[in-house]
Amino acid sequence: MSTKPKSGTVVTGVDFTHWSVILCKPDAVARGLVDAVLDRFTAAGITVTHRLQVTAQPWQAHVHYWDLLVDADHFPGRDIPACLDAVYAHKPVTVALAYGEPGIHQRMRQLLGHYDPTRAEPGTIRGDLGDDSLEAALAEQRLVRNLVHTSDDAEAARRDFGTWFGARRRALLTPPPAAPSSPRTWTADHPDHRRPPLTATSDLVPGPLPGGRRPLPLLTPEQVAALKPGLADVIEYRKSGLSLNHIVGCPLDCGYCVRHLFDNFEMKTPRRLMSDEAAVEALVGHRYFRPGRTPIQLLNRATDPMLPVVKPHVFEVLRRLDGRGLTNHVLVITRWRVSAEDCAVLNSFRNLRLTILVTHSGIDDLRIEPVNSSIAADSLRMLYEHAENYRTVLYWRPIVPGLNDSLDHIERARELSLHAHATVFTGLFFRDEIKAYYDSHGLPTPYEDTARRKILPEQAEERILDAFELGAVGVQDWGRLFRKTSCGVAYAWGEADYNGHYGVRELCDICPPEQIALCAKAWKKPDLDEVTREARALGAVGDVEVDDRAIVVEGLDEPPRYYLQHGFGYQCHDRTKPHLYRQHGRAPIGWEAENGTDTR
């Protein structure tokens, strides 16, 4: 008769005195703190291995908190299983294994701190990163949000492993070949209201973001003053929304980047112009901001929002906007890596209509596109797979004849379009500054002339639409294709286009019939007197017109025109800069307007 090994010590050859299971709870995932939590253990000399994202099942939470269920009579008036399900059921959590010398369980529990974050010591994980209290949890009859669990002892580690990894993964419990032997003491260095008073020197050290990273350094007033004025102004009104750009600097070096226009292409290291809190206040306090209506863009002109040092700031801005209950469209454009944990953070925002647009060019010339387009492709698939509370758009741009409009390039884009809620295709901004960069670096210039608007020649569009037509007749599968960003975003959310492009009817010939019907129902020609009053208040001069395509004004720069456009849901054009038929928002290079008609 065989003798069962003592529970929690040696089970089928595994000595759990060396192993602990780390569970980063749903609140840690939602706040983007998983990296920060795991880094604390690594910094203390503990080997962290086999990190895994899991969608928690109800049974796992019930097994994990068996003690709460057994002692449920100690919690009168509370449905413990329902509390557990509310926090864990079908929510993302991250689990990992920790390996160390005997005594690891006690060491890790000390690193965690008290289960009530308000009673946890400074320097512990919960003391530094926690944002909840037992008092609030009791008042709201829920579990306290305290970020992370580690196994109490060897027996608990065995049970935790079976719960979160499963017995079939026991091969993971192989001691790493070289575990760290000289633990480091973790010293937190950020200001905290529960700490003793800081010295003047330590007061100057910025505290960590909710993601655990140090904030990006702030530019000095002198450095900000040296920037081009357009770059120093953190708020800019663009067609797709009120754009917040309080972080500048990017190492990605895309040859066609709009950073050339701001004379900061050589600024490779991201830096902040102001704090995230101040940036949000500047945005929502802007004269053109309207809650629930004004579209918002984040960091779309001077950095990539998903760079590792930038995205904690993006998440913090989103958290602050969402916390205000705002329902505005928010657009974030990236070409960089997005992880499953990033997706969990993006899914945590409940109010904002958040859309992640993934820029994919497919350009193979590394002098122009040094960032491998496979990175964007992988991010797109990841975002689409995990999307719940946000939407994902394939931003197929810039399309340049001879660089990325071959049949192979189009086929790549077609396949990617199946992993997005919508696809938007567009051309190249080829301004004087970008042409100068091409010339100075010996790059082949795609066009002889530069232009104020994006360039996408008619033949390039026809090649794309010919391929797309094969999808319409069932020869190939395509995702939904749009010419305009706001059209794709609106379709992804099941809404009418907030830019009123339905008035420019030739843009709609590739739109799904159900979307055309939705836009037609929402599209209303505004009252001329009301438009005139608002336009005059913004500084318009001359006649104000409202025709069947757009509001037409004189004397208004782009910001007040976009303010009118988003306010009325109707295109607003400058009479001196007409949009030609079939060239809406595009440069005339490579096009011939039908019958030469000027239809603004």
Foldseek 3Di string as FASTA:
>chain_A
DDDQPDFLAAHPRFGLLFKKKKKFFLVCLQLQAPVQLVVQCVLQQKDKADKDKDQFALVLLCLLVVVCVVVVVVPPPADVSVLSCVRGHRGIMMMIMIGDHRVVLVVLVLLQADQACVRGDPNHPSVQQNDWGPVVCSVVVHDTCRGMDMANGSNSRVSNCCSPVNPVVCVVSDDDPDGGDDTHRGDAQADDPPDDDDDPVSVVQHHAFSNNHGAFAADDPVVLVPWQVVLSPQWDADLQFTEGAQKAAAQQQALQALVLVRVCSVRHDIHGNDALVVSLCCVCVPPLDDFQFTEYEYNDHGYACPDPNRVSSVLVNLVVCLVVLGAHEYEHEHQAADDLSNLSNVQSRARYAYEYEHEAACFPPCNNRVDPSVRSLVRLLSNLVSDDRYFYEYEHDAHAPPGQLDPVNLVVQQVSQVSGLEYEYYHGQFAPSSVVSCVVVVHDDRDPDGDPFGADAPVSVVSNVVVVVCCVVPNDPGHQYFHDPQLSSQSSVVAARLQAQVLLVVRCPRGDPVNNVRNVVVDDQDDLVVLVVLCVVQPWDDDWDTDSAAIETEDDDDNSQSSSRSVNVGHYYYPVDFQARPQGRHDCVNHDGVVNDGPD
